[in-house]
Amino acid sequence: MSAQTYLAYDFPLLSAFWTMFWFFLWIMWFVLLFRIITDIFRDDDLSGWAKTGWLVFCIVLPFLGVFVYVIARGKNMGRREVSQARAQQEEFNAYIRQTAAGGRPSSVDELARLSEIHDRGTLTDEEFRRAKELVLTGHGPAEHSGPTRTSGR
């Protein structure tokens, strides 16, 4: 037996430490590999061929592929992750606002819809004015679009 092997047998705690250390590094490498694969698919700047190339490189030569990807493109990995997190947060906030409003459209949406109906000629000027007053005063949504009529406008 070599001196190092003998030392590991003399101190079993040292052997357990080295085993846990290598196991930790192995798990960290897998985490990094999956984050890189996720980043490859998340990046909108890469073409399909570039994504395929990086993916094949990371699968065929995993250690080298991961290290080269981190060196070449690692700087922007964090930026892409932050931008995705911000987009998800904005979508969540929009959903919360919509849900808190009870699913009703805002007064701006109602006014835009009224204007569109008025421009098509379905509402008269007087009906449009009354509906706009209702929306602006908050007495109710402008759901009543008046009688449907066709005009030559």
C-alpha atoms as a PDB file:
ATOM      1  CA  MET A   1       0.000   0.000   0.000  1.00  0.00           C
ATOM      2  CA  SER A   2       1.089   3.523  -0.677  1.00  0.00           C
ATOM      3  CA  ALA A   3       1.483   6.082   2.079  1.00  0.00           C
ATOM      4  CA  GLN A   4      -1.657   8.001   0.983  1.00  0.00           C
ATOM      5  CA  THR A   5      -3.833   4.891   0.989  1.00  0.00           C
ATOM      6  CA  TYR A   6      -2.471   3.933   4.374  1.00  0.00           C
ATOM      7  CA  LEU A   7      -3.246   7.436   5.709  1.00  0.00           C
ATOM      8  CA  ALA A   8      -6.864   7.132   4.525  1.00  0.00           C
ATOM      9  CA  TYR A   9      -7.225   3.824   6.382  1.00  0.00           C
ATOM     10  CA  ASP A  10      -5.720   5.282   9.527  1.00  0.00           C
ATOM     11  CA  PHE A  11      -8.202   8.164   9.514  1.00  0.00           C
ATOM     12  CA  PRO A  12     -11.633   6.972   8.277  1.00  0.00           C
ATOM     13  CA  LEU A  13     -13.048  10.459   8.766  1.00  0.00           C
ATOM     14  CA  LEU A  14     -10.620  11.765   6.130  1.00  0.00           C
ATOM     15  CA  SER A  15     -11.810   9.060   3.731  1.00  0.00           C
ATOM     16  CA  ALA A  16     -15.443  10.040   4.359  1.00  0.00           C
ATOM     17  CA  PHE A  17     -14.532  13.702   3.798  1.00  0.00           C
ATOM     18  CA  TRP A  18     -12.900  12.955   0.421  1.00  0.00           C
ATOM     19  CA  THR A  19     -15.852  10.793  -0.624  1.00  0.00           C
ATOM     20  CA  MET A  20     -18.328  13.563   0.229  1.00  0.00           C
ATOM     21  CA  PHE A  21     -16.129  16.159  -1.497  1.00  0.00           C
ATOM     22  CA  TRP A  22     -15.997  14.221  -4.783  1.00  0.00           C
ATOM     23  CA  PHE A  23     -19.701  13.416  -4.576  1.00  0.00           C
ATOM     24  CA  PHE A  24     -20.459  17.135  -4.053  1.00  0.00           C
ATOM     25  CA  LEU A  25     -18.328  18.101  -7.064  1.00  0.00           C
ATOM     26  CA  TRP A  26     -20.054  15.450  -9.179  1.00  0.00           C
ATOM     27  CA  ILE A  27     -23.516  16.752  -8.213  1.00  0.00           C
ATOM     28  CA  MET A  28     -22.431  20.364  -8.850  1.00  0.00           C
ATOM     29  CA  TRP A  29     -21.215  19.395 -12.312  1.00  0.00           C
ATOM     30  CA  PHE A  30     -24.616  17.872 -13.135  1.00  0.00           C
ATOM     31  CA  VAL A  31     -26.371  21.018 -11.888  1.00  0.00           C
ATOM     32  CA  LEU A  32     -24.102  23.112 -14.099  1.00  0.00           C
ATOM     33  CA  LEU A  33     -24.729  20.819 -17.077  1.00  0.00           C
ATOM     34  CA  PHE A  34     -28.521  21.142 -16.726  1.00  0.00           C
ATOM     35  CA  ARG A  35     -28.303  24.924 -16.269  1.00  0.00           C
ATOM     36  CA  ILE A  36     -26.230  25.165 -19.438  1.00  0.00           C
ATOM     37  CA  ILE A  37     -28.690  23.020 -21.395  1.00  0.00           C
ATOM     38  CA  THR A  38     -31.529  25.236 -20.125  1.00  0.00           C
ATOM     39  CA  ASP A  39     -29.564  28.338 -21.096  1.00  0.00           C
ATOM     40  CA  ILE A  40     -28.929  26.974 -24.586  1.00  0.00           C
ATOM     41  CA  PHE A  41     -32.654  26.577 -25.186  1.00  0.00           C
ATOM     42  CA  ARG A  42     -33.518  29.891 -23.476  1.00  0.00           C
ATOM     43  CA  ASP A  43     -31.193  32.037 -25.595  1.00  0.00           C
ATOM     44  CA  ASP A  44     -33.137  33.680 -28.426  1.00  0.00           C
ATOM     45  CA  ASP A  45     -29.962  35.078 -29.997  1.00  0.00           C
ATOM     46  CA  LEU A  46     -28.652  31.625 -30.931  1.00  0.00           C
ATOM     47  CA  SER A  47     -29.803  30.103 -34.193  1.00  0.00           C
ATOM     48  CA  GLY A  48     -31.104  26.557 -34.328  1.00  0.00           C
ATOM     49  CA  TRP A  49     -27.801  25.300 -35.704  1.00  0.00           C
ATOM     50  CA  ALA A  50     -25.824  27.024 -32.958  1.00  0.00           C
ATOM     51  CA  LYS A  51     -28.110  25.540 -30.299  1.00  0.00           C
ATOM     52  CA  THR A  52     -27.689  22.103 -31.857  1.00  0.00           C
ATOM     53  CA  GLY A  53     -23.903  22.525 -31.989  1.00  0.00           C
ATOM     54  CA  TRP A  54     -23.616  23.548 -28.342  1.00  0.00           C
ATOM     55  CA  LEU A  55     -25.975  20.783 -27.261  1.00  0.00           C
ATOM     56  CA  VAL A  56     -24.050  18.113 -29.168  1.00  0.00           C
ATOM     57  CA  PHE A  57     -20.759  19.485 -27.823  1.00  0.00           C
ATOM     58  CA  CYS A  58     -22.073  19.332 -24.235  1.00  0.00           C
ATOM     59  CA  ILE A  59     -23.432  15.800 -24.685  1.00  0.00           C
ATOM     60  CA  VAL A  60     -20.573  14.230 -26.667  1.00  0.00           C
ATOM     61  CA  LEU A  61     -17.740  15.819 -24.677  1.00  0.00           C
ATOM     62  CA  PRO A  62     -19.555  16.741 -21.459  1.00  0.00           C
ATOM     63  CA  PHE A  63     -16.708  18.033 -19.291  1.00  0.00           C
ATOM     64  CA  LEU A  64     -15.008  19.953 -22.070  1.00  0.00           C
ATOM     65  CA  GLY A  65     -18.339  21.178 -23.490  1.00  0.00           C
ATOM     66  CA  VAL A  66     -19.512  22.527 -20.143  1.00  0.00           C
ATOM     67  CA  PHE A  67     -16.241  24.283 -19.405  1.00  0.00           C
ATOM     68  CA  VAL A  68     -15.968  25.804 -22.892  1.00  0.00           C
ATOM     69  CA  TYR A  69     -19.591  27.005 -22.731  1.00  0.00           C
ATOM     70  CA  VAL A  70     -19.021  28.636 -19.351  1.00  0.00           C
ATOM     71  CA  ILE A  71     -15.892  30.359 -20.641  1.00  0.00           C
ATOM     72  CA  ALA A  72     -17.423  31.450 -23.970  1.00  0.00           C
ATOM     73  CA  ARG A  73     -20.983  32.325 -22.960  1.00  0.00           C
ATOM     74  CA  GLY A  74     -21.075  32.251 -19.162  1.00  0.00           C
ATOM     75  CA  LYS A  75     -21.087  36.022 -18.795  1.00  0.00           C
ATOM     76  CA  ASN A  76     -24.551  36.387 -20.300  1.00  0.00           C
ATOM     77  CA  MET A  77     -26.084  33.331 -18.611  1.00  0.00           C
ATOM     78  CA  GLY A  78     -26.986  35.413 -15.564  1.00  0.00           C
ATOM     79  CA  ARG A  79     -28.409  38.225 -17.704  1.00  0.00           C
ATOM     80  CA  ARG A  80     -30.670  35.811 -19.585  1.00  0.00           C
ATOM     81  CA  GLU A  81     -31.849  34.268 -16.335  1.00  0.00           C
ATOM     82  CA  VAL A  82     -32.588  37.678 -14.816  1.00  0.00           C
ATOM     83  CA  SER A  83     -34.494  38.821 -17.901  1.00  0.00           C
ATOM     84  CA  GLN A  84     -36.581  35.644 -17.849  1.00  0.00           C
ATOM     85  CA  ALA A  85     -37.304  36.108 -14.137  1.00  0.00           C
ATOM     86  CA  ARG A  86     -38.384  39.717 -14.782  1.00  0.00           C
ATOM     87  CA  ALA A  87     -40.661  38.652 -17.632  1.00  0.00           C
ATOM     88  CA  GLN A  88     -42.245  35.989 -15.433  1.00  0.00           C
ATOM     89  CA  GLN A  89     -42.717  38.515 -12.631  1.00  0.00           C
ATOM     90  CA  GLU A  90     -44.366  41.002 -15.008  1.00  0.00           C
ATOM     91  CA  GLU A  91     -46.713  38.298 -16.302  1.00  0.00           C
ATOM     92  CA  PHE A  92     -47.560  37.328 -12.735  1.00  0.00           C
ATOM     93  CA  ASN A  93     -48.203  40.953 -11.745  1.00  0.00           C
ATOM     94  CA  ALA A  94     -50.451  41.432 -14.780  1.00  0.00           C
ATOM     95  CA  TYR A  95     -52.377  38.298 -13.850  1.00  0.00           C
ATOM     96  CA  ILE A  96     -52.787  39.516 -10.262  1.00  0.00           C
ATOM     97  CA  ARG A  97     -53.997  42.939 -11.451  1.00  0.00           C
ATOM     98  CA  GLN A  98     -56.481  41.331 -13.802  1.00  0.00           C
ATOM     99  CA  THR A  99     -57.707  38.917 -11.143  1.00  0.00           C
ATOM    100  CA  ALA A 100     -57.978  41.648  -8.507  1.00  0.00           C
ATOM    101  CA  ALA A 101     -60.049  43.738 -10.912  1.00  0.00           C
ATOM    102  CA  GLY A 102     -62.478  40.843 -11.181  1.00  0.00           C
ATOM    103  CA  GLY A 103     -61.631  40.213 -14.792  1.00  0.00           C
ATOM    104  CA  ARG A 104     -63.291  43.467 -15.844  1.00  0.00           C
ATOM    105  CA  PRO A 105     -61.529  45.543 -18.449  1.00  0.00           C
ATOM    106  CA  SER A 106     -60.156  48.880 -17.330  1.00  0.00           C
ATOM    107  CA  SER A 107     -61.770  52.171 -18.255  1.00  0.00           C
ATOM    108  CA  VAL A 108     -59.074  52.750 -20.877  1.00  0.00           C
ATOM    109  CA  ASP A 109     -59.972  49.432 -22.515  1.00  0.00           C
ATOM    110  CA  GLU A 110     -63.654  50.337 -22.374  1.00  0.00           C
ATOM    111  CA  LEU A 111     -63.021  53.728 -23.965  1.00  0.00           C
ATOM    112  CA  ALA A 112     -60.941  52.143 -26.722  1.00  0.00           C
ATOM    113  CA  ARG A 113     -63.725  49.641 -27.380  1.00  0.00           C
ATOM    114  CA  LEU A 114     -66.337  52.418 -27.427  1.00  0.00           C
ATOM    115  CA  SER A 115     -64.232  54.468 -29.812  1.00  0.00           C
ATOM    116  CA  GLU A 116     -63.872  51.490 -32.120  1.00  0.00           C
ATOM    117  CA  ILE A 117     -67.626  50.858 -32.080  1.00  0.00           C
ATOM    118  CA  HIS A 118     -68.264  54.559 -32.718  1.00  0.00           C
ATOM    119  CA  ASP A 119     -65.794  54.612 -35.610  1.00  0.00           C
ATOM    120  CA  ARG A 120     -67.567  51.674 -37.221  1.00  0.00           C
ATOM    121  CA  GLY A 121     -70.775  53.668 -37.115  1.00  0.00           C
ATOM    122  CA  THR A 122     -72.639  51.384 -34.749  1.00  0.00           C
ATOM    123  CA  LEU A 123     -73.006  54.117 -32.108  1.00  0.00           C
ATOM    124  CA  THR A 124     -74.373  57.565 -32.743  1.00  0.00           C
ATOM    125  CA  ASP A 125     -72.509  60.566 -31.390  1.00  0.00           C
ATOM    126  CA  GLU A 126     -75.059  60.955 -28.579  1.00  0.00           C
ATOM    127  CA  GLU A 127     -74.846  57.268 -27.576  1.00  0.00           C
ATOM    128  CA  PHE A 128     -71.062  57.452 -27.632  1.00  0.00           C
ATOM    129  CA  ARG A 129     -71.084  60.571 -25.422  1.00  0.00           C
ATOM    130  CA  ARG A 130     -73.453  58.961 -22.858  1.00  0.00           C
ATOM    131  CA  ALA A 131     -71.488  55.709 -22.762  1.00  0.00           C
ATOM    132  CA  LYS A 132     -68.226  57.621 -22.383  1.00  0.00           C
ATOM    133  CA  GLU A 133     -69.689  59.572 -19.451  1.00  0.00           C
ATOM    134  CA  LEU A 134     -70.731  56.321 -17.778  1.00  0.00           C
ATOM    135  CA  VAL A 135     -67.239  54.880 -18.132  1.00  0.00           C
ATOM    136  CA  LEU A 136     -65.477  58.045 -16.974  1.00  0.00           C
ATOM    137  CA  THR A 137     -67.710  58.574 -13.943  1.00  0.00           C
ATOM    138  CA  GLY A 138     -67.367  54.913 -12.967  1.00  0.00           C
ATOM    139  CA  HIS A 139     -71.097  54.202 -12.876  1.00  0.00           C
ATOM    140  CA  GLY A 140     -70.637  51.033 -14.871  1.00  0.00           C
ATOM    141  CA  PRO A 141     -68.959  49.526 -17.863  1.00  0.00           C
ATOM    142  CA  ALA A 142     -70.113  50.535 -21.278  1.00  0.00           C
ATOM    143  CA  GLU A 143     -71.628  47.168 -22.075  1.00  0.00           C
ATOM    144  CA  HIS A 144     -74.642  48.568 -23.811  1.00  0.00           C
ATOM    145  CA  SER A 145     -73.604  49.513 -27.280  1.00  0.00           C
ATOM    146  CA  GLY A 146     -77.001  50.777 -28.283  1.00  0.00           C
ATOM    147  CA  PRO A 147     -79.174  49.512 -31.078  1.00  0.00           C
ATOM    148  CA  THR A 148     -77.354  47.921 -33.916  1.00  0.00           C
ATOM    149  CA  ARG A 149     -77.774  49.842 -37.111  1.00  0.00           C
ATOM    150  CA  THR A 150     -76.010  50.118 -40.358  1.00  0.00           C
ATOM    151  CA  SER A 151     -75.089  53.451 -41.749  1.00  0.00           C
ATOM    152  CA  GLY A 152     -73.375  54.745 -44.803  1.00  0.00           C
ATOM    153  CA  ARG A 153     -70.468  56.251 -42.878  1.00  0.00           C
END
